[in-house]
């Protein structure tokens, strides 16, 4: 599949079937995460892959909104990074999260990003602390995000090209528009 076709069809998927994800697809997702770019090759990221349904259910409560669908996923991936290894760990972890999502799409899997950094758990403590405690994540690591992954139980049409925000693209200087095609 061509890259533009892949990003055209990728949508945030929050409903999954009961179909298990094949081991070879999980291996490919692991490889995609490890191949994600990193500033100066510092690779500050680390990943926790979760297939245990009880853990996925617990992780689905990491924050009051936007994580509940993880309970129905067959795979969750927690994306962490070590800020001591890179001052741009947030960017590196974000890129890795995107690579995971694009790899999932290319494998016929649906996915959705769950923002964790700077989000609160429902009991008032940081979502990061809740997840770190649940998964035994070392204190030196920060948690950027989680990704829910599974076979899609919902169909979403690609966003129409004419709905994209072309007004946010400029040529040479801010405010200067591209000529009409």
N, C-alpha and C. Protein backbone atom coordinates (compact mmCIF):
# COMPACT_ATOMS: atom_id res chain seq x y z
N UNK A 1 0.85 -1.18 0.00
CA UNK A 1 0.00 0.00 0.00
C UNK A 1 0.89 1.24 0.00
N UNK A 2 0.53 2.19 -0.79
CA UNK A 2 1.26 3.45 -0.85
C UNK A 2 0.97 4.26 0.42
N UNK A 3 1.95 5.06 0.84
CA UNK A 3 1.82 5.80 2.09
C UNK A 3 0.60 6.72 2.10
N UNK A 4 0.38 7.47 1.03
CA UNK A 4 -0.78 8.37 1.01
C UNK A 4 -2.09 7.61 1.12
N UNK A 5 -2.17 6.44 0.49
CA UNK A 5 -3.38 5.62 0.62
C UNK A 5 -3.58 5.19 2.07
N UNK A 6 -2.48 4.83 2.72
CA UNK A 6 -2.53 4.40 4.12
C UNK A 6 -3.05 5.52 5.02
N UNK A 7 -2.50 6.72 4.88
CA UNK A 7 -2.94 7.81 5.77
C UNK A 7 -4.32 8.33 5.39
N UNK A 8 -4.71 8.12 4.14
CA UNK A 8 -6.07 8.52 3.76
C UNK A 8 -7.11 7.63 4.43
N UNK A 9 -6.83 6.36 4.55
CA UNK A 9 -7.83 5.45 5.10
C UNK A 9 -7.76 5.30 6.61
N UNK A 10 -6.64 5.66 7.25
CA UNK A 10 -6.50 5.49 8.70
C UNK A 10 -7.47 6.41 9.45
N UNK A 11 -8.19 5.82 10.36
CA UNK A 11 -9.11 6.55 11.23
C UNK A 11 -8.93 6.04 12.65
N UNK A 12 -9.34 6.82 13.62
CA UNK A 12 -9.29 6.36 15.00
C UNK A 12 -10.41 5.35 15.21
N UNK A 13 -10.03 4.15 15.58
CA UNK A 13 -10.98 3.05 15.78
C UNK A 13 -11.07 2.75 17.26
N UNK A 14 -12.30 2.78 17.78
CA UNK A 14 -12.52 2.57 19.22
C UNK A 14 -13.40 1.36 19.52
N UNK A 15 -13.78 0.63 18.50
CA UNK A 15 -14.58 -0.59 18.68
C UNK A 15 -13.89 -1.72 17.94
N UNK A 16 -13.72 -2.84 18.66
CA UNK A 16 -12.95 -3.96 18.12
C UNK A 16 -13.75 -5.25 18.20
N UNK A 17 -13.44 -6.17 17.29
CA UNK A 17 -14.05 -7.50 17.33
C UNK A 17 -13.33 -8.34 18.38
N UNK A 18 -13.81 -9.55 18.58
CA UNK A 18 -13.19 -10.48 19.53
C UNK A 18 -12.03 -11.25 18.90
N UNK A 19 -11.74 -11.01 17.65
CA UNK A 19 -10.69 -11.75 16.95
C UNK A 19 -9.31 -11.42 17.56
N UNK A 20 -8.57 -12.46 17.87
CA UNK A 20 -7.22 -12.30 18.40
C UNK A 20 -6.28 -11.77 17.31
N UNK A 21 -5.29 -11.01 17.72
CA UNK A 21 -4.28 -10.52 16.78
C UNK A 21 -3.19 -11.58 16.67
N UNK A 22 -2.87 -11.95 15.46
CA UNK A 22 -1.88 -12.99 15.22
C UNK A 22 -0.51 -12.57 15.74
N UNK A 23 0.25 -13.56 16.21
CA UNK A 23 1.59 -13.32 16.78
C UNK A 23 2.50 -12.62 15.78
N UNK A 24 2.41 -12.99 14.51
CA UNK A 24 3.29 -12.36 13.52
C UNK A 24 2.96 -10.88 13.33
N UNK A 25 1.70 -10.51 13.51
CA UNK A 25 1.34 -9.09 13.42
C UNK A 25 1.85 -8.32 14.64
N UNK A 26 1.80 -8.95 15.79
CA UNK A 26 2.36 -8.30 16.98
C UNK A 26 3.86 -8.12 16.81
N UNK A 27 4.53 -9.10 16.23
CA UNK A 27 5.97 -8.97 15.96
C UNK A 27 6.24 -7.80 15.02
N UNK A 28 5.40 -7.62 14.03
CA UNK A 28 5.57 -6.51 13.10
C UNK A 28 5.33 -5.17 13.79
N UNK A 29 4.40 -5.12 14.70
CA UNK A 29 4.16 -3.89 15.47
C UNK A 29 5.35 -3.58 16.37
N UNK A 30 5.94 -4.61 16.96
CA UNK A 30 7.15 -4.42 17.77
C UNK A 30 8.27 -3.83 16.92
N UNK A 31 8.45 -4.40 15.72
CA UNK A 31 9.50 -3.90 14.83
C UNK A 31 9.24 -2.45 14.43
N UNK A 32 7.99 -2.13 14.12
CA UNK A 32 7.66 -0.75 13.73
C UNK A 32 7.99 0.22 14.85
N UNK A 33 7.67 -0.15 16.09
CA UNK A 33 7.97 0.72 17.24
C UNK A 33 9.47 0.94 17.35
N UNK A 34 10.24 -0.12 17.20
CA UNK A 34 11.69 -0.02 17.35
C UNK A 34 12.38 0.67 16.18
N UNK A 35 11.70 0.76 15.05
CA UNK A 35 12.26 1.45 13.88
C UNK A 35 11.87 2.92 13.82
N UNK A 36 11.10 3.39 14.77
CA UNK A 36 10.69 4.79 14.72
C UNK A 36 11.89 5.71 14.91
N UNK A 37 11.90 6.84 14.21
CA UNK A 37 13.02 7.77 14.32
C UNK A 37 13.16 8.34 15.72
N UNK A 38 14.38 8.69 16.04
CA UNK A 38 14.69 9.27 17.34
C UNK A 38 15.78 10.32 17.15
N UNK A 39 15.61 11.44 17.80
CA UNK A 39 16.60 12.51 17.70
C UNK A 39 17.98 12.00 18.10
N UNK A 40 18.93 12.20 17.22
CA UNK A 40 20.32 11.81 17.42
C UNK A 40 20.48 10.33 17.74
N UNK A 41 19.48 9.52 17.39
CA UNK A 41 19.56 8.08 17.61
C UNK A 41 19.61 7.68 19.08
N UNK A 42 19.07 8.52 19.97
CA UNK A 42 19.13 8.22 21.40
C UNK A 42 18.13 7.15 21.83
N UNK A 43 17.09 6.96 21.04
CA UNK A 43 16.08 5.93 21.31
C UNK A 43 15.66 5.88 22.78
N UNK A 44 15.07 6.97 23.29
CA UNK A 44 14.70 7.00 24.70
C UNK A 44 13.44 6.19 25.01
N UNK A 45 12.74 5.72 23.98
CA UNK A 45 11.45 5.06 24.17
C UNK A 45 11.60 3.61 24.62
N UNK A 46 10.57 3.17 25.31
CA UNK A 46 10.38 1.78 25.70
C UNK A 46 8.89 1.51 25.59
N UNK A 47 8.53 0.25 25.40
CA UNK A 47 7.14 -0.10 25.11
C UNK A 47 6.69 -1.28 25.97
N UNK A 48 5.48 -1.20 26.47
CA UNK A 48 4.87 -2.33 27.17
C UNK A 48 3.68 -2.77 26.32
N UNK A 49 3.75 -3.99 25.81
CA UNK A 49 2.67 -4.58 25.02
C UNK A 49 1.78 -5.37 25.98
N UNK A 50 0.49 -5.11 25.95
CA UNK A 50 -0.44 -5.75 26.87
C UNK A 50 -1.49 -6.52 26.08
N UNK A 51 -1.58 -7.82 26.35
CA UNK A 51 -2.61 -8.66 25.74
C UNK A 51 -3.56 -9.24 26.79
N UNK A 52 -3.22 -9.11 28.05
CA UNK A 52 -4.04 -9.63 29.14
C UNK A 52 -5.31 -8.79 29.27
N UNK A 53 -6.46 -9.43 29.14
CA UNK A 53 -7.73 -8.68 29.13
C UNK A 53 -8.01 -7.98 30.46
N UNK A 54 -7.59 -8.55 31.58
CA UNK A 54 -7.80 -7.88 32.87
C UNK A 54 -6.95 -6.61 32.97
N UNK A 55 -5.72 -6.68 32.49
CA UNK A 55 -4.88 -5.48 32.50
C UNK A 55 -5.43 -4.42 31.55
N UNK A 56 -5.89 -4.85 30.37
CA UNK A 56 -6.48 -3.89 29.43
C UNK A 56 -7.70 -3.22 30.05
N UNK A 57 -8.50 -3.99 30.76
CA UNK A 57 -9.66 -3.42 31.43
C UNK A 57 -9.25 -2.40 32.49
N UNK A 58 -8.22 -2.72 33.26
CA UNK A 58 -7.72 -1.77 34.28
C UNK A 58 -7.14 -0.52 33.62
N UNK A 59 -6.41 -0.69 32.53
CA UNK A 59 -5.83 0.46 31.82
C UNK A 59 -6.91 1.35 31.22
N UNK A 60 -8.06 0.77 30.92
CA UNK A 60 -9.15 1.55 30.31
C UNK A 60 -9.69 2.60 31.28
N UNK A 61 -9.33 2.50 32.55
CA UNK A 61 -9.78 3.48 33.55
C UNK A 61 -8.66 4.44 33.94
N UNK A 62 -7.60 4.50 33.16
CA UNK A 62 -6.44 5.34 33.49
C UNK A 62 -6.78 6.82 33.57
N UNK A 63 -7.82 7.22 32.86
CA UNK A 63 -8.29 8.61 32.91
C UNK A 63 -9.79 8.59 32.69
N UNK A 64 -10.50 9.63 33.14
CA UNK A 64 -11.96 9.59 33.08
C UNK A 64 -12.55 9.53 31.68
N UNK A 65 -11.88 10.11 30.70
CA UNK A 65 -12.43 10.16 29.35
C UNK A 65 -11.36 9.74 28.34
N UNK A 66 -11.77 9.03 27.30
CA UNK A 66 -10.88 8.76 26.20
C UNK A 66 -10.02 7.51 26.30
N UNK A 67 -10.26 6.67 27.30
CA UNK A 67 -9.49 5.43 27.41
C UNK A 67 -10.38 4.20 27.55
N UNK A 68 -11.66 4.39 27.76
CA UNK A 68 -12.58 3.28 28.02
C UNK A 68 -12.58 2.20 26.96
N UNK A 69 -12.39 2.59 25.72
CA UNK A 69 -12.42 1.62 24.62
C UNK A 69 -11.29 0.59 24.70
N UNK A 70 -10.26 0.88 25.48
CA UNK A 70 -9.14 -0.05 25.61
C UNK A 70 -9.60 -1.39 26.19
N UNK A 71 -10.68 -1.38 26.95
CA UNK A 71 -11.22 -2.62 27.53
C UNK A 71 -11.64 -3.60 26.44
N UNK A 72 -12.00 -3.11 25.27
CA UNK A 72 -12.42 -3.98 24.17
C UNK A 72 -11.32 -4.31 23.18
N UNK A 73 -10.14 -3.74 23.37
CA UNK A 73 -9.03 -3.99 22.46
C UNK A 73 -8.38 -5.34 22.77
N UNK A 74 -7.75 -5.92 21.78
CA UNK A 74 -7.00 -7.16 21.98
C UNK A 74 -5.55 -6.89 22.32
N UNK A 75 -5.10 -5.66 22.06
CA UNK A 75 -3.73 -5.27 22.35
C UNK A 75 -3.71 -3.82 22.77
N UNK A 76 -2.96 -3.55 23.80
CA UNK A 76 -2.68 -2.18 24.21
C UNK A 76 -1.17 -2.02 24.24
N UNK A 77 -0.72 -0.86 23.82
CA UNK A 77 0.72 -0.59 23.88
C UNK A 77 0.91 0.71 24.66
N UNK A 78 1.71 0.63 25.72
CA UNK A 78 2.05 1.80 26.51
C UNK A 78 3.40 2.29 26.01
N UNK A 79 3.45 3.56 25.62
CA UNK A 79 4.66 4.16 25.07
C UNK A 79 5.29 5.04 26.14
N UNK A 80 6.48 4.65 26.56
CA UNK A 80 7.22 5.35 27.61
C UNK A 80 8.52 5.88 27.03
N UNK A 81 9.18 6.75 27.78
CA UNK A 81 10.50 7.22 27.37
C UNK A 81 11.26 7.70 28.60
N UNK A 82 12.57 7.69 28.46
CA UNK A 82 13.46 8.13 29.53
C UNK A 82 13.95 9.54 29.23
N UNK A 83 13.47 10.55 29.98
CA UNK A 83 13.87 11.94 29.73
C UNK A 83 15.37 12.19 29.93
N UNK A 84 16.04 11.30 30.65
CA UNK A 84 17.49 11.45 30.85
C UNK A 84 18.27 11.11 29.58
N UNK A 85 17.65 10.34 28.69
CA UNK A 85 18.33 9.94 27.45
C UNK A 85 18.15 10.96 26.34
N UNK A 86 17.12 11.80 26.46
CA UNK A 86 16.86 12.77 25.38
C UNK A 86 15.98 13.89 25.89
N UNK A 87 16.34 15.11 25.53
CA UNK A 87 15.51 16.26 25.90
C UNK A 87 14.24 16.34 25.04
N UNK A 88 14.22 15.58 23.96
CA UNK A 88 13.03 15.57 23.09
C UNK A 88 12.33 14.22 23.15
N UNK A 89 12.28 13.66 24.34
CA UNK A 89 11.65 12.36 24.54
C UNK A 89 10.17 12.40 24.18
N UNK A 90 9.51 13.52 24.41
CA UNK A 90 8.08 13.63 24.08
C UNK A 90 7.89 13.47 22.57
N UNK A 91 8.70 14.16 21.80
CA UNK A 91 8.61 14.06 20.35
C UNK A 91 8.93 12.64 19.88
N UNK A 92 10.00 12.06 20.43
CA UNK A 92 10.39 10.70 20.03
C UNK A 92 9.29 9.70 20.36
N UNK A 93 8.69 9.81 21.55
CA UNK A 93 7.62 8.89 21.94
C UNK A 93 6.37 9.12 21.07
N UNK A 94 6.12 10.37 20.71
CA UNK A 94 4.97 10.67 19.84
C UNK A 94 5.16 10.09 18.45
N UNK A 95 6.37 10.21 17.92
CA UNK A 95 6.66 9.63 16.61
C UNK A 95 6.47 8.11 16.67
N UNK A 96 6.97 7.49 17.73
CA UNK A 96 6.84 6.03 17.88
C UNK A 96 5.36 5.63 17.93
N UNK A 97 4.57 6.41 18.64
CA UNK A 97 3.14 6.12 18.72
C UNK A 97 2.50 6.19 17.33
N UNK A 98 2.88 7.18 16.56
CA UNK A 98 2.36 7.31 15.19
C UNK A 98 2.80 6.15 14.32
N UNK A 99 4.06 5.75 14.43
CA UNK A 99 4.54 4.60 13.67
C UNK A 99 3.73 3.35 14.01
N UNK A 100 3.44 3.15 15.28
CA UNK A 100 2.64 1.99 15.70
C UNK A 100 1.27 2.04 15.05
N UNK A 101 0.65 3.22 15.06
CA UNK A 101 -0.69 3.34 14.47
C UNK A 101 -0.67 3.09 12.96
N UNK A 102 0.33 3.62 12.28
CA UNK A 102 0.40 3.41 10.83
C UNK A 102 0.71 1.96 10.50
N UNK A 103 1.55 1.33 11.30
CA UNK A 103 1.84 -0.09 11.10
C UNK A 103 0.57 -0.92 11.31
N UNK A 104 -0.19 -0.59 12.36
CA UNK A 104 -1.44 -1.30 12.62
C UNK A 104 -2.37 -1.19 11.42
N UNK A 105 -2.52 0.01 10.89
CA UNK A 105 -3.38 0.21 9.71
C UNK A 105 -2.90 -0.63 8.54
N UNK A 106 -1.60 -0.66 8.31
CA UNK A 106 -1.06 -1.42 7.19
C UNK A 106 -1.27 -2.92 7.35
N UNK A 107 -1.48 -3.37 8.59
CA UNK A 107 -1.71 -4.79 8.89
C UNK A 107 -3.19 -5.15 8.95
N UNK A 108 -4.05 -4.18 8.62
CA UNK A 108 -5.48 -4.44 8.66
C UNK A 108 -6.09 -4.34 10.04
N UNK A 109 -5.40 -3.64 10.94
CA UNK A 109 -5.87 -3.48 12.31
C UNK A 109 -6.30 -2.03 12.54
N UNK A 110 -7.27 -1.86 13.41
CA UNK A 110 -7.68 -0.52 13.81
C UNK A 110 -6.93 -0.12 15.06
N UNK A 111 -6.77 1.18 15.27
CA UNK A 111 -6.08 1.66 16.46
C UNK A 111 -6.58 3.04 16.84
N UNK A 112 -6.27 3.41 18.09
CA UNK A 112 -6.58 4.76 18.55
C UNK A 112 -5.58 5.16 19.63
N UNK A 113 -5.09 6.39 19.53
CA UNK A 113 -4.15 7.00 20.47
C UNK A 113 -4.89 7.39 21.74
N UNK A 114 -4.26 7.15 22.88
CA UNK A 114 -4.78 7.59 24.17
C UNK A 114 -3.69 8.45 24.81
N UNK A 115 -3.94 9.74 24.91
CA UNK A 115 -2.96 10.64 25.52
C UNK A 115 -2.91 10.39 27.03
N UNK A 116 -1.71 10.23 27.58
CA UNK A 116 -1.54 9.99 29.00
C UNK A 116 -0.79 11.11 29.69
N UNK A 117 0.31 11.56 29.10
CA UNK A 117 1.12 12.61 29.73
C UNK A 117 0.24 13.82 30.04
N UNK A 118 0.35 14.30 31.25
CA UNK A 118 -0.38 15.47 31.74
C UNK A 118 -1.89 15.27 31.84
N UNK A 119 -2.31 14.01 31.93
CA UNK A 119 -3.72 13.71 32.14
C UNK A 119 -3.87 13.13 33.54
N UNK A 120 -5.05 13.28 34.10
CA UNK A 120 -5.30 12.81 35.46
C UNK A 120 -6.13 11.54 35.47
N UNK A 121 -5.87 10.70 36.46
CA UNK A 121 -6.67 9.51 36.73
C UNK A 121 -7.94 9.98 37.45
N UNK A 122 -8.96 9.20 37.46
CA UNK A 122 -10.23 9.63 38.06
C UNK A 122 -10.13 9.87 39.56
N UNK A 123 -9.15 9.28 40.25
CA UNK A 123 -9.05 9.50 41.69
C UNK A 123 -8.15 10.69 42.06
N UNK A 124 -7.78 11.49 41.06
CA UNK A 124 -7.01 12.70 41.32
C UNK A 124 -5.51 12.56 41.19
N UNK A 125 -5.01 11.35 41.04
CA UNK A 125 -3.57 11.21 40.82
C UNK A 125 -3.31 11.17 39.32
N UNK A 126 -2.09 11.47 38.90
CA UNK A 126 -1.78 11.45 37.47
C UNK A 126 -2.03 10.08 36.84
N UNK A 127 -2.52 10.09 35.62
CA UNK A 127 -2.74 8.84 34.89
C UNK A 127 -1.43 8.07 34.76
N UNK A 128 -0.31 8.81 34.58
CA UNK A 128 1.00 8.16 34.50
C UNK A 128 1.29 7.32 35.74
N UNK A 129 1.00 7.87 36.91
CA UNK A 129 1.28 7.17 38.17
C UNK A 129 0.41 5.91 38.28
N UNK A 130 -0.85 6.01 37.89
CA UNK A 130 -1.75 4.87 37.92
C UNK A 130 -1.22 3.75 37.02
N UNK A 131 -0.83 4.09 35.80
CA UNK A 131 -0.34 3.10 34.85
C UNK A 131 1.00 2.52 35.31
N UNK A 132 1.89 3.38 35.76
CA UNK A 132 3.21 2.93 36.21
C UNK A 132 3.08 1.92 37.35
N UNK A 133 2.19 2.19 38.27
CA UNK A 133 1.97 1.28 39.39
C UNK A 133 1.38 -0.05 38.90
N UNK A 134 0.41 0.03 38.04
CA UNK A 134 -0.26 -1.16 37.51
C UNK A 134 0.70 -2.07 36.74
N UNK A 135 1.62 -1.47 35.97
CA UNK A 135 2.49 -2.24 35.08
C UNK A 135 3.94 -2.33 35.56
N UNK A 136 4.22 -1.84 36.76
CA UNK A 136 5.59 -1.88 37.31
C UNK A 136 6.58 -1.12 36.44
N UNK A 137 6.17 0.01 35.90
CA UNK A 137 7.05 0.82 35.06
C UNK A 137 8.00 1.61 35.98
N UNK A 138 9.30 1.55 35.71
CA UNK A 138 10.27 2.24 36.58
C UNK A 138 10.03 3.75 36.63
N UNK A 139 10.41 4.34 37.75
CA UNK A 139 10.17 5.77 38.01
C UNK A 139 10.93 6.67 37.04
N UNK A 140 12.02 6.19 36.44
CA UNK A 140 12.79 7.04 35.51
C UNK A 140 12.08 7.21 34.17
N UNK A 141 11.07 6.41 33.89
CA UNK A 141 10.37 6.50 32.61
C UNK A 141 9.11 7.36 32.73
N UNK A 142 8.84 8.13 31.70
CA UNK A 142 7.62 8.91 31.59
C UNK A 142 6.72 8.22 30.58
N UNK A 143 5.43 8.30 30.79
CA UNK A 143 4.47 7.68 29.87
C UNK A 143 3.84 8.76 29.03
N UNK A 144 4.02 8.65 27.72
CA UNK A 144 3.45 9.61 26.78
C UNK A 144 2.03 9.23 26.40
N UNK A 145 1.84 7.95 26.04
CA UNK A 145 0.57 7.56 25.45
C UNK A 145 0.35 6.06 25.57
N UNK A 146 -0.86 5.67 25.22
CA UNK A 146 -1.20 4.27 25.03
C UNK A 146 -1.88 4.19 23.66
N UNK A 147 -1.83 3.02 23.06
CA UNK A 147 -2.53 2.78 21.80
C UNK A 147 -3.38 1.53 21.98
N UNK A 148 -4.67 1.65 21.68
CA UNK A 148 -5.55 0.50 21.64
C UNK A 148 -5.54 -0.05 20.23
N UNK A 149 -5.44 -1.39 20.09
CA UNK A 149 -5.34 -2.02 18.78
C UNK A 149 -6.21 -3.26 18.74
N UNK A 150 -6.84 -3.48 17.60
CA UNK A 150 -7.62 -4.70 17.38
C UNK A 150 -8.21 -4.69 15.98
N UNK A 151 -8.90 -5.77 15.67
CA UNK A 151 -9.63 -5.80 14.40
C UNK A 151 -10.86 -4.93 14.54
N UNK A 152 -11.05 -4.04 13.60
CA UNK A 152 -12.10 -3.04 13.69
C UNK A 152 -13.51 -3.65 13.65
N UNK A 153 -14.34 -3.17 14.56
CA UNK A 153 -15.76 -3.54 14.56
C UNK A 153 -16.61 -2.37 14.10
N UNK A 154 -15.95 -1.37 13.54
CA UNK A 154 -16.68 -0.21 13.00
C UNK A 154 -16.02 0.20 11.69
N UNK A 155 -16.81 0.72 10.81
CA UNK A 155 -16.32 1.19 9.52
C UNK A 155 -16.44 2.71 9.47
N UNK A 156 -15.33 3.36 9.16
CA UNK A 156 -15.34 4.81 9.03
C UNK A 156 -14.77 5.16 7.67
N UNK A 157 -15.49 6.02 6.98
CA UNK A 157 -15.02 6.47 5.67
C UNK A 157 -13.83 7.40 5.85
N UNK A 158 -12.93 7.42 4.88
CA UNK A 158 -11.83 8.38 4.95
C UNK A 158 -12.38 9.82 4.96
N UNK A 159 -11.60 10.72 5.54
CA UNK A 159 -11.98 12.13 5.47
C UNK A 159 -11.88 12.58 4.01
N UNK A 160 -12.88 13.28 3.53
CA UNK A 160 -12.88 13.75 2.15
C UNK A 160 -11.78 14.79 1.95
N UNK A 161 -11.12 14.74 0.82
CA UNK A 161 -10.04 15.68 0.51
C UNK A 161 -10.50 17.12 0.63
N UNK A 162 -11.69 17.42 0.17
CA UNK A 162 -12.19 18.80 0.21
C UNK A 162 -12.49 19.29 1.63
N UNK A 163 -12.52 18.38 2.60
CA UNK A 163 -12.74 18.77 4.00
C UNK A 163 -11.43 19.08 4.72
N UNK A 164 -10.29 18.80 4.10
CA UNK A 164 -9.01 19.09 4.74
C UNK A 164 -8.80 20.60 4.81
N UNK A 165 -8.06 21.05 5.78
CA UNK A 165 -7.91 22.48 6.07
C UNK A 165 -6.75 23.09 5.29
N UNK A 166 -6.93 23.25 3.98
CA UNK A 166 -5.90 23.83 3.12
C UNK A 166 -5.50 25.24 3.57
N UNK A 167 -6.39 25.93 4.25
CA UNK A 167 -6.08 27.30 4.69
C UNK A 167 -4.95 27.33 5.73
N UNK A 168 -4.53 26.18 6.22
CA UNK A 168 -3.44 26.11 7.20
C UNK A 168 -2.09 25.82 6.55
N UNK A 169 -2.05 25.81 5.23
CA UNK A 169 -0.80 25.57 4.49
C UNK A 169 -0.42 26.86 3.76
N UNK A 170 0.84 27.25 3.92
CA UNK A 170 1.33 28.50 3.33
C UNK A 170 2.54 28.22 2.46
N UNK A 171 2.82 29.12 1.55
CA UNK A 171 3.95 29.00 0.64
C UNK A 171 4.95 30.11 0.92
N UNK A 172 6.14 29.73 1.28
CA UNK A 172 7.28 30.63 1.52
C UNK A 172 7.16 31.49 2.76
N UNK A 173 6.03 32.10 3.00
CA UNK A 173 5.81 32.94 4.18
C UNK A 173 4.42 32.71 4.73
N UNK A 174 4.31 32.86 6.03
CA UNK A 174 2.98 32.71 6.65
C UNK A 174 2.01 33.70 6.01
N UNK A 175 0.84 33.21 5.66
CA UNK A 175 -0.18 34.05 5.07
C UNK A 175 -0.19 34.00 3.55
N UNK A 176 0.88 33.54 2.93
CA UNK A 176 0.95 33.45 1.47
C UNK A 176 0.41 32.11 1.02
N UNK A 177 -0.63 32.14 0.24
CA UNK A 177 -1.32 30.92 -0.19
C UNK A 177 -0.67 30.30 -1.43
N UNK A 178 -0.85 29.00 -1.55
CA UNK A 178 -0.46 28.29 -2.78
C UNK A 178 -1.43 28.71 -3.88
N UNK A 179 -0.95 28.79 -5.11
CA UNK A 179 -1.90 29.06 -6.22
C UNK A 179 -2.88 27.91 -6.35
N UNK A 180 -4.07 28.21 -6.79
CA UNK A 180 -5.08 27.16 -7.00
C UNK A 180 -4.60 26.20 -8.09
N UNK A 181 -4.85 24.91 -7.89
CA UNK A 181 -4.42 23.92 -8.90
C UNK A 181 -5.21 24.02 -10.18
